[in-house]
Amino acid sequence: MKKAKELTVLCDAQVAIIMFSSTGKYHEFISSAPSTIKGIFDRYQQALGTSLWTEQYENMQRTLSHLNDINRNLRTEIRQRMGEDLDVLEFDELRGLEQNVDTALKEVRQRKYHVITTQTETYKKKVKHSQEAYKNLQQELGMREDPAFGFVDNPAAGGWDGVAAVAMGGSSAADMYAFRVVPSQPNLHGMAYGGSHDLRLG
């Protein structure tokens, strides 16, 4: 900066400097305050009779044109895969398009069957888990899937005591477990049909 200022004073010249530090920080110096870097470049181009931006602009135009061609070709291909704009295609092009569509259809079907198979296996696992949970719950409750209920006579029981019995896989008396109704349930003690009756689960 100091040398640039000295050069400006000694030579009575307009000086512009652009600097980038090792960390990428930008610095600039312009000897004439009203001027800008762009103004300096414009004067440089006028003095040399050339343009610093023409080549860059042309490169950008070529890139843009290439991208437009790619976009146009992709849109045409999409329309043709949907069955549109087929009149301009020759036999070989139509055959190639047909093969591409068949290949794409196979891929779609393969993916569809894979999704269906995966979902089916997942649902089977959920059903199996639910069935196991249901069986475990039945075992914890000590119940069968289809218990039978009914009233039976119990001439051996004395008085009006009701007896509740649960069958444990047999019909003999040894296979029955009886529970007497507690006295705090008078409504159950009052049930009588001309004799003593038992409430049994068989």
N, C-alpha and C. Protein backbone atom coordinates (compact mmCIF):
# COMPACT_ATOMS: atom_id res chain seq x y z
N MET A 1 0.82 -1.19 0.00
CA MET A 1 0.00 0.00 0.00
C MET A 1 0.87 1.26 0.00
N LYS A 2 1.92 1.25 0.81
CA LYS A 2 2.78 2.42 0.91
C LYS A 2 3.49 2.70 -0.40
N LYS A 3 3.99 1.64 -1.05
CA LYS A 3 4.67 1.81 -2.33
C LYS A 3 3.70 2.31 -3.39
N ALA A 4 2.46 1.83 -3.36
CA ALA A 4 1.45 2.27 -4.34
C ALA A 4 1.16 3.75 -4.15
N LYS A 5 1.04 4.19 -2.92
CA LYS A 5 0.79 5.61 -2.66
C LYS A 5 1.97 6.46 -3.13
N GLU A 6 3.20 6.01 -2.87
CA GLU A 6 4.38 6.74 -3.32
C GLU A 6 4.43 6.82 -4.84
N LEU A 7 4.06 5.70 -5.51
CA LEU A 7 4.05 5.70 -6.97
C LEU A 7 3.01 6.67 -7.51
N THR A 8 1.88 6.78 -6.84
CA THR A 8 0.83 7.69 -7.27
C THR A 8 1.30 9.14 -7.19
N VAL A 9 2.01 9.49 -6.10
CA VAL A 9 2.46 10.87 -5.90
C VAL A 9 3.64 11.20 -6.85
N LEU A 10 4.62 10.30 -6.93
CA LEU A 10 5.81 10.58 -7.73
C LEU A 10 5.50 10.62 -9.22
N CYS A 11 4.65 9.75 -9.70
CA CYS A 11 4.38 9.64 -11.15
C CYS A 11 3.09 10.34 -11.55
N ASP A 12 2.36 10.87 -10.59
CA ASP A 12 1.07 11.50 -10.86
C ASP A 12 0.20 10.57 -11.70
N ALA A 13 0.09 9.32 -11.19
CA ALA A 13 -0.64 8.28 -11.93
C ALA A 13 -1.78 7.74 -11.08
N GLN A 14 -2.70 7.12 -11.75
CA GLN A 14 -3.82 6.47 -11.06
C GLN A 14 -3.48 4.98 -10.91
N VAL A 15 -3.49 4.50 -9.69
CA VAL A 15 -3.07 3.13 -9.38
C VAL A 15 -4.21 2.38 -8.72
N ALA A 16 -4.39 1.13 -9.12
CA ALA A 16 -5.40 0.25 -8.51
C ALA A 16 -4.73 -1.09 -8.23
N ILE A 17 -4.94 -1.59 -7.01
CA ILE A 17 -4.34 -2.86 -6.60
C ILE A 17 -5.44 -3.75 -5.99
N ILE A 18 -5.43 -5.01 -6.37
CA ILE A 18 -6.33 -6.02 -5.78
C ILE A 18 -5.45 -7.07 -5.11
N MET A 19 -5.76 -7.38 -3.85
CA MET A 19 -4.94 -8.32 -3.10
C MET A 19 -5.84 -9.32 -2.36
N PHE A 20 -5.32 -10.56 -2.26
CA PHE A 20 -5.98 -11.60 -1.47
C PHE A 20 -4.95 -12.18 -0.51
N SER A 21 -5.29 -12.21 0.76
CA SER A 21 -4.37 -12.74 1.75
C SER A 21 -4.36 -14.27 1.70
N SER A 22 -3.49 -14.89 2.50
CA SER A 22 -3.41 -16.35 2.53
C SER A 22 -4.68 -16.98 3.10
N THR A 23 -5.44 -16.21 3.85
CA THR A 23 -6.70 -16.72 4.40
C THR A 23 -7.88 -16.43 3.48
N GLY A 24 -7.63 -15.82 2.31
CA GLY A 24 -8.69 -15.53 1.35
C GLY A 24 -9.36 -14.19 1.57
N LYS A 25 -8.85 -13.35 2.46
CA LYS A 25 -9.46 -12.05 2.70
C LYS A 25 -9.10 -11.08 1.56
N TYR A 26 -10.08 -10.31 1.15
CA TYR A 26 -9.94 -9.43 -0.02
C TYR A 26 -9.54 -8.02 0.42
N HIS A 27 -8.60 -7.43 -0.32
CA HIS A 27 -8.17 -6.05 -0.09
C HIS A 27 -8.01 -5.38 -1.45
N GLU A 28 -8.28 -4.10 -1.47
CA GLU A 28 -8.09 -3.34 -2.69
C GLU A 28 -7.61 -1.93 -2.34
N PHE A 29 -6.93 -1.34 -3.32
CA PHE A 29 -6.45 0.04 -3.16
C PHE A 29 -6.64 0.78 -4.48
N ILE A 30 -7.25 1.97 -4.41
CA ILE A 30 -7.46 2.82 -5.57
C ILE A 30 -6.94 4.21 -5.20
N SER A 31 -6.08 4.71 -6.03
CA SER A 31 -5.47 6.00 -5.71
C SER A 31 -6.47 7.14 -5.77
N SER A 32 -7.40 7.10 -6.72
CA SER A 32 -8.40 8.16 -6.85
C SER A 32 -9.68 7.71 -6.16
N ALA A 33 -10.11 8.49 -5.17
CA ALA A 33 -11.26 8.11 -4.35
C ALA A 33 -12.54 7.91 -5.15
N PRO A 34 -12.92 8.78 -6.09
CA PRO A 34 -14.19 8.58 -6.80
C PRO A 34 -14.20 7.34 -7.68
N SER A 35 -13.03 6.82 -8.08
CA SER A 35 -12.96 5.69 -9.00
C SER A 35 -13.27 4.39 -8.27
N THR A 36 -13.63 3.36 -9.06
CA THR A 36 -13.88 2.02 -8.54
C THR A 36 -13.04 1.04 -9.32
N ILE A 37 -13.00 -0.19 -8.83
CA ILE A 37 -12.25 -1.23 -9.53
C ILE A 37 -12.82 -1.46 -10.93
N LYS A 38 -14.15 -1.45 -11.02
CA LYS A 38 -14.78 -1.64 -12.32
C LYS A 38 -14.41 -0.50 -13.28
N GLY A 39 -14.39 0.72 -12.75
CA GLY A 39 -14.00 1.84 -13.60
C GLY A 39 -12.57 1.71 -14.11
N ILE A 40 -11.68 1.21 -13.25
CA ILE A 40 -10.30 1.01 -13.67
C ILE A 40 -10.21 -0.04 -14.77
N PHE A 41 -10.97 -1.13 -14.62
CA PHE A 41 -10.97 -2.18 -15.64
C PHE A 41 -11.55 -1.67 -16.95
N ASP A 42 -12.56 -0.83 -16.88
CA ASP A 42 -13.15 -0.29 -18.10
C ASP A 42 -12.13 0.58 -18.84
N ARG A 43 -11.42 1.38 -18.11
CA ARG A 43 -10.39 2.21 -18.74
C ARG A 43 -9.30 1.34 -19.34
N TYR A 44 -8.97 0.26 -18.65
CA TYR A 44 -7.95 -0.67 -19.17
C TYR A 44 -8.40 -1.30 -20.48
N GLN A 45 -9.66 -1.70 -20.56
CA GLN A 45 -10.18 -2.30 -21.78
C GLN A 45 -10.23 -1.29 -22.93
N GLN A 46 -10.59 -0.05 -22.61
CA GLN A 46 -10.63 0.98 -23.65
C GLN A 46 -9.23 1.27 -24.18
N ALA A 47 -8.28 1.27 -23.28
CA ALA A 47 -6.91 1.56 -23.71
C ALA A 47 -6.35 0.46 -24.61
N LEU A 48 -6.71 -0.81 -24.32
CA LEU A 48 -6.20 -1.92 -25.11
C LEU A 48 -7.11 -2.28 -26.27
N GLY A 49 -8.30 -1.73 -26.28
CA GLY A 49 -9.25 -2.05 -27.33
C GLY A 49 -9.74 -3.49 -27.27
N THR A 50 -9.87 -4.02 -26.08
CA THR A 50 -10.33 -5.41 -25.91
C THR A 50 -11.35 -5.46 -24.78
N SER A 51 -11.91 -6.62 -24.60
CA SER A 51 -12.90 -6.81 -23.53
C SER A 51 -12.50 -8.00 -22.67
N LEU A 52 -12.44 -7.77 -21.36
CA LEU A 52 -12.08 -8.84 -20.44
C LEU A 52 -13.24 -9.80 -20.20
N TRP A 53 -14.46 -9.39 -20.54
CA TRP A 53 -15.64 -10.19 -20.20
C TRP A 53 -16.21 -10.94 -21.40
N THR A 54 -15.71 -10.63 -22.60
CA THR A 54 -16.30 -11.25 -23.79
C THR A 54 -16.11 -12.77 -23.78
N GLU A 55 -14.91 -13.22 -23.49
CA GLU A 55 -14.64 -14.66 -23.50
C GLU A 55 -15.47 -15.37 -22.43
N GLN A 56 -15.52 -14.78 -21.24
CA GLN A 56 -16.31 -15.39 -20.17
C GLN A 56 -17.79 -15.43 -20.54
N TYR A 57 -18.27 -14.35 -21.14
CA TYR A 57 -19.68 -14.30 -21.55
C TYR A 57 -19.98 -15.35 -22.61
N GLU A 58 -19.09 -15.52 -23.56
CA GLU A 58 -19.28 -16.52 -24.61
C GLU A 58 -19.28 -17.93 -24.03
N ASN A 59 -18.42 -18.19 -23.06
CA ASN A 59 -18.39 -19.51 -22.41
C ASN A 59 -19.71 -19.78 -21.68
N MET A 60 -20.23 -18.75 -21.05
CA MET A 60 -21.50 -18.90 -20.35
C MET A 60 -22.64 -19.15 -21.33
N GLN A 61 -22.60 -18.49 -22.48
CA GLN A 61 -23.63 -18.69 -23.49
C GLN A 61 -23.58 -20.11 -24.06
N ARG A 62 -22.37 -20.62 -24.27
CA ARG A 62 -22.25 -21.99 -24.78
C ARG A 62 -22.74 -23.01 -23.75
N THR A 63 -22.43 -22.77 -22.50
CA THR A 63 -22.90 -23.68 -21.44
C THR A 63 -24.42 -23.65 -21.35
N LEU A 64 -25.00 -22.46 -21.41
CA LEU A 64 -26.45 -22.33 -21.34
C LEU A 64 -27.13 -23.03 -22.52
N SER A 65 -26.57 -22.87 -23.71
CA SER A 65 -27.15 -23.52 -24.89
C SER A 65 -27.08 -25.04 -24.77
N HIS A 66 -25.97 -25.55 -24.25
CA HIS A 66 -25.83 -27.00 -24.06
C HIS A 66 -26.86 -27.52 -23.05
N LEU A 67 -27.05 -26.82 -21.98
CA LEU A 67 -28.03 -27.23 -20.98
C LEU A 67 -29.46 -27.19 -21.54
N ASN A 68 -29.73 -26.20 -22.37
CA ASN A 68 -31.06 -26.12 -23.00
C ASN A 68 -31.30 -27.31 -23.93
N ASP A 69 -30.26 -27.72 -24.66
CA ASP A 69 -30.39 -28.89 -25.54
C ASP A 69 -30.66 -30.15 -24.73
N ILE A 70 -29.96 -30.31 -23.62
CA ILE A 70 -30.18 -31.49 -22.76
C ILE A 70 -31.60 -31.49 -22.21
N ASN A 71 -32.05 -30.34 -21.76
CA ASN A 71 -33.40 -30.24 -21.22
C ASN A 71 -34.46 -30.55 -22.27
N ARG A 72 -34.27 -30.05 -23.48
CA ARG A 72 -35.22 -30.31 -24.57
C ARG A 72 -35.25 -31.79 -24.94
N ASN A 73 -34.09 -32.43 -24.99
CA ASN A 73 -34.04 -33.85 -25.32
C ASN A 73 -34.70 -34.71 -24.23
N LEU A 74 -34.48 -34.33 -22.98
CA LEU A 74 -35.10 -35.08 -21.89
C LEU A 74 -36.62 -34.94 -21.92
N ARG A 75 -37.12 -33.76 -22.19
CA ARG A 75 -38.57 -33.57 -22.28
C ARG A 75 -39.16 -34.38 -23.43
N THR A 76 -38.45 -34.41 -24.57
CA THR A 76 -38.93 -35.19 -25.71
C THR A 76 -38.95 -36.68 -25.37
N GLU A 77 -37.91 -37.15 -24.70
CA GLU A 77 -37.85 -38.57 -24.32
C GLU A 77 -38.97 -38.93 -23.35
N ILE A 78 -39.27 -38.04 -22.42
CA ILE A 78 -40.36 -38.30 -21.47
C ILE A 78 -41.69 -38.39 -22.20
N ARG A 79 -41.93 -37.47 -23.13
CA ARG A 79 -43.18 -37.51 -23.89
C ARG A 79 -43.29 -38.79 -24.72
N GLN A 80 -42.19 -39.20 -25.31
CA GLN A 80 -42.20 -40.42 -26.13
C GLN A 80 -42.43 -41.66 -25.27
N ARG A 81 -41.89 -41.69 -24.06
CA ARG A 81 -42.14 -42.82 -23.16
C ARG A 81 -43.60 -42.86 -22.71
N MET A 82 -44.29 -41.72 -22.81
CA MET A 82 -45.71 -41.67 -22.47
C MET A 82 -46.59 -41.88 -23.70
N GLY A 83 -45.97 -42.18 -24.85
CA GLY A 83 -46.71 -42.46 -26.06
C GLY A 83 -47.01 -41.24 -26.90
N GLU A 84 -46.31 -40.16 -26.71
CA GLU A 84 -46.54 -38.92 -27.46
C GLU A 84 -45.35 -38.65 -28.39
N ASP A 85 -45.60 -37.84 -29.40
CA ASP A 85 -44.55 -37.43 -30.34
C ASP A 85 -43.82 -38.62 -30.96
N LEU A 86 -44.56 -39.65 -31.36
CA LEU A 86 -43.95 -40.84 -31.95
C LEU A 86 -43.84 -40.76 -33.47
N ASP A 87 -44.49 -39.79 -34.08
CA ASP A 87 -44.51 -39.71 -35.54
C ASP A 87 -43.13 -39.42 -36.12
N VAL A 88 -42.27 -38.78 -35.35
CA VAL A 88 -40.96 -38.39 -35.88
C VAL A 88 -39.94 -39.52 -35.75
N LEU A 89 -40.29 -40.63 -35.12
CA LEU A 89 -39.34 -41.72 -34.88
C LEU A 89 -39.34 -42.71 -36.04
N GLU A 90 -38.16 -43.21 -36.36
CA GLU A 90 -38.01 -44.26 -37.36
C GLU A 90 -38.22 -45.62 -36.70
N PHE A 91 -38.17 -46.68 -37.54
CA PHE A 91 -38.44 -48.02 -37.03
C PHE A 91 -37.45 -48.43 -35.95
N ASP A 92 -36.17 -48.19 -36.20
CA ASP A 92 -35.14 -48.57 -35.22
C ASP A 92 -35.33 -47.80 -33.92
N GLU A 93 -35.68 -46.53 -34.03
CA GLU A 93 -35.89 -45.73 -32.83
C GLU A 93 -37.12 -46.22 -32.05
N LEU A 94 -38.17 -46.60 -32.78
CA LEU A 94 -39.36 -47.14 -32.12
C LEU A 94 -39.04 -48.46 -31.43
N ARG A 95 -38.24 -49.28 -32.08
CA ARG A 95 -37.86 -50.56 -31.47
C ARG A 95 -37.04 -50.34 -30.21
N GLY A 96 -36.10 -49.41 -30.26
CA GLY A 96 -35.31 -49.11 -29.07
C GLY A 96 -36.17 -48.56 -27.94
N LEU A 97 -37.14 -47.71 -28.30
CA LEU A 97 -38.04 -47.17 -27.29
C LEU A 97 -38.87 -48.27 -26.65
N GLU A 98 -39.33 -49.22 -27.48
CA GLU A 98 -40.11 -50.34 -26.96
C GLU A 98 -39.30 -51.17 -25.98
N GLN A 99 -38.05 -51.43 -26.30
CA GLN A 99 -37.19 -52.20 -25.40
C GLN A 99 -36.95 -51.46 -24.09
N ASN A 100 -36.75 -50.16 -24.19
CA ASN A 100 -36.55 -49.37 -22.96
C ASN A 100 -37.79 -49.39 -22.08
N VAL A 101 -38.96 -49.29 -22.70
CA VAL A 101 -40.21 -49.31 -21.93
C VAL A 101 -40.41 -50.68 -21.28
N ASP A 102 -40.11 -51.77 -22.02
CA ASP A 102 -40.24 -53.12 -21.45
C ASP A 102 -39.31 -53.31 -20.26
N THR A 103 -38.09 -52.83 -20.41
CA THR A 103 -37.13 -52.95 -19.31
C THR A 103 -37.60 -52.18 -18.08
N ALA A 104 -38.09 -50.97 -18.33
CA ALA A 104 -38.59 -50.16 -17.21
C ALA A 104 -39.80 -50.82 -16.55
N LEU A 105 -40.68 -51.44 -17.35
CA LEU A 105 -41.86 -52.11 -16.80
C LEU A 105 -41.46 -53.30 -15.94
N LYS A 106 -40.46 -54.06 -16.37
CA LYS A 106 -39.98 -55.19 -15.57
C LYS A 106 -39.42 -54.71 -14.23
N GLU A 107 -38.69 -53.62 -14.26
CA GLU A 107 -38.14 -53.08 -13.02
C GLU A 107 -39.25 -52.64 -12.07
N VAL A 108 -40.27 -52.00 -12.63
CA VAL A 108 -41.39 -51.54 -11.80
C VAL A 108 -42.13 -52.73 -11.18
N ARG A 109 -42.39 -53.77 -11.99
CA ARG A 109 -43.08 -54.95 -11.47
C ARG A 109 -42.26 -55.66 -10.41
N GLN A 110 -40.97 -55.78 -10.65
CA GLN A 110 -40.10 -56.43 -9.67
C GLN A 110 -40.12 -55.67 -8.34
N ARG A 111 -40.08 -54.36 -8.42
CA ARG A 111 -40.13 -53.55 -7.20
C ARG A 111 -41.49 -53.70 -6.51
N LYS A 112 -42.56 -53.76 -7.31
CA LYS A 112 -43.90 -53.90 -6.73
C LYS A 112 -44.03 -55.22 -5.98
N TYR A 113 -43.56 -56.32 -6.61
CA TYR A 113 -43.65 -57.63 -5.96
C TYR A 113 -42.79 -57.67 -4.69
N HIS A 114 -41.65 -57.00 -4.74
CA HIS A 114 -40.81 -56.96 -3.54
C HIS A 114 -41.53 -56.24 -2.39
N VAL A 115 -42.18 -55.14 -2.70
CA VAL A 115 -42.91 -54.39 -1.67
C VAL A 115 -44.05 -55.24 -1.11
N ILE A 116 -44.79 -55.93 -2.01
CA ILE A 116 -45.91 -56.78 -1.56
C ILE A 116 -45.40 -57.90 -0.66
N THR A 117 -44.31 -58.55 -1.05
CA THR A 117 -43.75 -59.64 -0.24
C THR A 117 -43.30 -59.15 1.13
N THR A 118 -42.65 -58.00 1.15
CA THR A 118 -42.18 -57.45 2.42
C THR A 118 -43.34 -57.12 3.34
N GLN A 119 -44.38 -56.48 2.79
CA GLN A 119 -45.55 -56.15 3.60
C GLN A 119 -46.26 -57.40 4.10
N THR A 120 -46.35 -58.44 3.25
CA THR A 120 -47.00 -59.68 3.67
C THR A 120 -46.26 -60.34 4.82
N GLU A 121 -44.93 -60.40 4.72
CA GLU A 121 -44.15 -60.99 5.80
C GLU A 121 -44.29 -60.20 7.09
N THR A 122 -44.35 -58.89 6.96
CA THR A 122 -44.52 -58.05 8.15
C THR A 122 -45.87 -58.32 8.81
N TYR A 123 -46.93 -58.41 8.02
CA TYR A 123 -48.26 -58.68 8.58
C TYR A 123 -48.33 -60.06 9.22
N LYS A 124 -47.67 -61.07 8.60
CA LYS A 124 -47.65 -62.40 9.18
C LYS A 124 -46.97 -62.39 10.55
N LYS A 125 -45.89 -61.66 10.67
CA LYS A 125 -45.19 -61.57 11.95
C LYS A 125 -46.07 -60.89 13.00
N LYS A 126 -46.81 -59.87 12.58
CA LYS A 126 -47.69 -59.19 13.53
C LYS A 126 -48.81 -60.11 13.99
N VAL A 127 -49.39 -60.89 13.05
CA VAL A 127 -50.46 -61.82 13.41
C VAL A 127 -49.93 -62.89 14.35
N LYS A 128 -48.75 -63.44 14.06
CA LYS A 128 -48.16 -64.46 14.91
C LYS A 128 -47.89 -63.92 16.30
N HIS A 129 -47.39 -62.71 16.36
CA HIS A 129 -47.12 -62.09 17.66
C HIS A 129 -48.42 -61.90 18.44
N SER A 130 -49.49 -61.50 17.76
CA SER A 130 -50.78 -61.32 18.43
C SER A 130 -51.32 -62.65 18.94
N GLN A 131 -51.18 -63.71 18.14
CA GLN A 131 -51.64 -65.02 18.57
C GLN A 131 -50.87 -65.52 19.79
N GLU A 132 -49.56 -65.33 19.79
CA GLU A 132 -48.76 -65.73 20.95
C GLU A 132 -49.15 -64.94 22.18
N ALA A 133 -49.39 -63.64 22.01
CA ALA A 133 -49.80 -62.82 23.15
C ALA A 133 -51.15 -63.29 23.69
N TYR A 134 -52.06 -63.69 22.76
CA TYR A 134 -53.38 -64.16 23.18
C TYR A 134 -53.26 -65.47 23.95
N LYS A 135 -52.41 -66.41 23.47
CA LYS A 135 -52.23 -67.67 24.17
C LYS A 135 -51.60 -67.46 25.55
N ASN A 136 -50.63 -66.56 25.62
CA ASN A 136 -50.01 -66.28 26.92
C ASN A 136 -51.02 -65.68 27.89
N LEU A 137 -51.89 -64.85 27.39
CA LEU A 137 -52.92 -64.26 28.25
C LEU A 137 -53.88 -65.32 28.74
N GLN A 138 -54.24 -66.30 27.87
CA GLN A 138 -55.12 -67.38 28.28
C GLN A 138 -54.46 -68.23 29.37
N GLN A 139 -53.18 -68.50 29.20
CA GLN A 139 -52.48 -69.29 30.20
C GLN A 139 -52.41 -68.57 31.53
N GLU A 140 -52.20 -67.26 31.50
CA GLU A 140 -52.15 -66.49 32.74
C GLU A 140 -53.49 -66.48 33.44
N LEU A 141 -54.56 -66.42 32.70
CA LEU A 141 -55.89 -66.41 33.29
C LEU A 141 -56.36 -67.81 33.66
N GLY A 142 -55.69 -68.87 33.16
CA GLY A 142 -56.07 -70.23 33.48
C GLY A 142 -57.42 -70.60 32.91
N MET A 143 -57.71 -70.10 31.71
CA MET A 143 -59.01 -70.36 31.10
C MET A 143 -58.83 -71.12 29.82
N ARG A 144 -59.88 -71.88 29.43
CA ARG A 144 -59.91 -72.53 28.14
C ARG A 144 -60.55 -71.60 27.12
N GLU A 145 -60.39 -71.96 25.86
CA GLU A 145 -60.98 -71.13 24.81
C GLU A 145 -62.50 -71.25 24.77
N ASP A 146 -63.06 -72.46 25.16
CA ASP A 146 -64.51 -72.66 25.08
C ASP A 146 -65.04 -73.28 26.38
N PRO A 147 -65.03 -72.58 27.52
CA PRO A 147 -65.56 -73.12 28.76
C PRO A 147 -67.08 -73.25 28.69
N ALA A 148 -67.62 -74.24 29.41
CA ALA A 148 -69.07 -74.47 29.46
C ALA A 148 -69.57 -74.16 30.88
N PHE A 149 -70.72 -73.57 30.99
CA PHE A 149 -71.30 -73.20 32.27
C PHE A 149 -72.65 -73.90 32.43
N GLY A 150 -73.08 -74.14 33.70
CA GLY A 150 -74.40 -74.74 33.92
C GLY A 150 -74.68 -74.97 35.39
N PHE A 151 -75.96 -75.16 35.73
CA PHE A 151 -76.41 -75.49 37.07
C PHE A 151 -76.62 -76.99 37.15
N VAL A 152 -76.11 -77.62 38.20
CA VAL A 152 -76.32 -79.05 38.43
C VAL A 152 -76.79 -79.25 39.86
N ASP A 153 -77.54 -80.32 40.06
CA ASP A 153 -78.00 -80.66 41.40
C ASP A 153 -76.84 -81.16 42.24
N ASN A 154 -76.89 -80.86 43.53
CA ASN A 154 -75.87 -81.31 44.45
C ASN A 154 -76.54 -81.85 45.70
N PRO A 155 -77.08 -83.07 45.61
CA PRO A 155 -77.78 -83.60 46.79
C PRO A 155 -76.86 -83.84 47.95
N ALA A 156 -75.54 -83.97 47.69
CA ALA A 156 -74.64 -84.23 48.81
C ALA A 156 -74.41 -83.00 49.65
N ALA A 157 -74.65 -81.82 49.09
CA ALA A 157 -74.40 -80.59 49.84
C ALA A 157 -75.54 -80.34 50.81
N GLY A 158 -75.22 -79.96 52.01
CA GLY A 158 -76.26 -79.74 53.02
C GLY A 158 -76.74 -78.31 53.01
N GLY A 159 -77.99 -78.07 53.39
CA GLY A 159 -78.56 -76.74 53.47
C GLY A 159 -78.73 -76.12 52.12
N TRP A 160 -78.67 -74.79 52.09
CA TRP A 160 -78.87 -74.04 50.84
C TRP A 160 -77.57 -73.44 50.30
N ASP A 161 -76.44 -74.03 50.68
CA ASP A 161 -75.15 -73.48 50.23
C ASP A 161 -74.98 -73.74 48.74
N GLY A 162 -74.64 -72.68 47.99
CA GLY A 162 -74.32 -72.85 46.56
C GLY A 162 -72.86 -73.24 46.42
N VAL A 163 -72.60 -74.11 45.45
CA VAL A 163 -71.23 -74.57 45.25
C VAL A 163 -70.83 -74.26 43.82
N ALA A 164 -69.69 -73.59 43.63
CA ALA A 164 -69.16 -73.30 42.29
C ALA A 164 -68.01 -74.23 42.02
N ALA A 165 -68.07 -74.94 40.94
CA ALA A 165 -67.03 -75.92 40.61
C ALA A 165 -66.45 -75.61 39.25
N VAL A 166 -65.19 -75.85 39.10
CA VAL A 166 -64.49 -75.66 37.83
C VAL A 166 -63.92 -77.00 37.39
N ALA A 167 -64.28 -77.43 36.17
CA ALA A 167 -63.81 -78.72 35.68
C ALA A 167 -62.38 -78.59 35.20
N MET A 168 -61.56 -79.54 35.53
CA MET A 168 -60.14 -79.51 35.17
C MET A 168 -59.80 -80.66 34.22
N GLY A 169 -60.61 -80.89 33.19
CA GLY A 169 -60.30 -81.90 32.19
C GLY A 169 -60.93 -83.25 32.46
N GLY A 170 -61.74 -83.41 33.44
CA GLY A 170 -62.38 -84.69 33.72
C GLY A 170 -63.78 -84.47 34.22
N SER A 171 -64.54 -85.52 34.34
CA SER A 171 -65.92 -85.42 34.78
C SER A 171 -66.16 -86.02 36.15
N SER A 172 -65.15 -86.65 36.73
CA SER A 172 -65.31 -87.28 38.04
C SER A 172 -65.24 -86.25 39.13
N ALA A 173 -65.63 -86.67 40.30
CA ALA A 173 -65.62 -85.76 41.45
C ALA A 173 -64.22 -85.35 41.81
N ALA A 174 -63.24 -86.26 41.54
CA ALA A 174 -61.85 -85.93 41.86
C ALA A 174 -61.31 -84.81 41.00
N ASP A 175 -61.95 -84.62 39.81
CA ASP A 175 -61.49 -83.59 38.89
C ASP A 175 -62.20 -82.27 39.10
N MET A 176 -63.03 -82.13 40.07
CA MET A 176 -63.80 -80.92 40.33
C MET A 176 -63.23 -80.23 41.56
N TYR A 177 -63.14 -78.93 41.47
CA TYR A 177 -62.72 -78.12 42.61
C TYR A 177 -63.86 -77.20 42.96
N ALA A 178 -64.37 -77.32 44.19
CA ALA A 178 -65.57 -76.59 44.61
C ALA A 178 -65.20 -75.43 45.50
N PHE A 179 -65.97 -74.37 45.41
CA PHE A 179 -65.79 -73.19 46.24
C PHE A 179 -67.14 -72.81 46.80
N ARG A 180 -67.25 -72.70 48.12
CA ARG A 180 -68.51 -72.33 48.74
C ARG A 180 -68.69 -70.81 48.66
N VAL A 181 -69.93 -70.42 48.48
CA VAL A 181 -70.25 -69.01 48.43
C VAL A 181 -70.12 -68.43 49.82
N VAL A 182 -69.46 -67.29 49.93
CA VAL A 182 -69.25 -66.69 51.24
C VAL A 182 -70.57 -66.16 51.77
N PRO A 183 -70.75 -66.09 53.10
CA PRO A 183 -72.03 -65.65 53.68
C PRO A 183 -72.38 -64.22 53.36
N SER A 184 -71.43 -63.43 52.89
CA SER A 184 -71.73 -62.02 52.62
C SER A 184 -72.53 -61.82 51.36
N GLN A 185 -72.90 -62.92 50.64
CA GLN A 185 -73.70 -62.86 49.43
C GLN A 185 -75.06 -63.49 49.66
N PRO A 186 -75.97 -62.83 50.32
CA PRO A 186 -77.28 -63.43 50.64
C PRO A 186 -78.10 -63.70 49.41
N ASN A 187 -77.92 -62.94 48.36
CA ASN A 187 -78.73 -63.16 47.17
C ASN A 187 -78.42 -64.49 46.52
N LEU A 188 -77.16 -64.96 46.66
CA LEU A 188 -76.81 -66.26 46.13
C LEU A 188 -77.32 -67.38 47.02
N HIS A 189 -77.36 -67.14 48.34
CA HIS A 189 -77.89 -68.15 49.25
C HIS A 189 -79.38 -68.33 49.03
N GLY A 190 -80.04 -67.35 48.52
CA GLY A 190 -81.48 -67.43 48.37
C GLY A 190 -81.93 -68.15 47.14
N MET A 191 -81.00 -68.57 46.26
CA MET A 191 -81.41 -69.28 45.04
C MET A 191 -81.71 -70.72 45.38
N ALA A 192 -82.97 -71.14 45.11
CA ALA A 192 -83.36 -72.54 45.38
C ALA A 192 -84.41 -72.93 44.37
N TYR A 193 -84.32 -74.12 43.92
CA TYR A 193 -85.28 -74.65 42.97
C TYR A 193 -85.86 -75.96 43.51
N GLY A 194 -86.27 -75.96 44.77
CA GLY A 194 -86.83 -77.13 45.40
C GLY A 194 -85.77 -78.03 46.00
N GLY A 195 -84.53 -77.68 45.91
CA GLY A 195 -83.45 -78.49 46.47
C GLY A 195 -82.17 -77.72 46.45
N SER A 196 -81.09 -78.38 46.80
CA SER A 196 -79.76 -77.77 46.82
C SER A 196 -79.16 -77.89 45.43
N HIS A 197 -78.59 -76.79 44.91
CA HIS A 197 -78.01 -76.76 43.57
C HIS A 197 -76.59 -76.22 43.62
N ASP A 198 -75.84 -76.67 42.66
CA ASP A 198 -74.44 -76.22 42.52
C ASP A 198 -74.30 -75.45 41.23
N LEU A 199 -73.40 -74.48 41.24
CA LEU A 199 -73.00 -73.77 40.01
C LEU A 199 -71.64 -74.30 39.61
N ARG A 200 -71.59 -74.98 38.48
CA ARG A 200 -70.35 -75.66 38.07
C ARG A 200 -69.89 -75.16 36.70
N LEU A 201 -68.62 -75.13 36.51
CA LEU A 201 -68.00 -74.86 35.21
C LEU A 201 -67.43 -76.19 34.73
N GLY A 202 -67.96 -76.72 33.63
CA GLY A 202 -67.54 -78.06 33.20
C GLY A 202 -66.92 -78.05 31.84
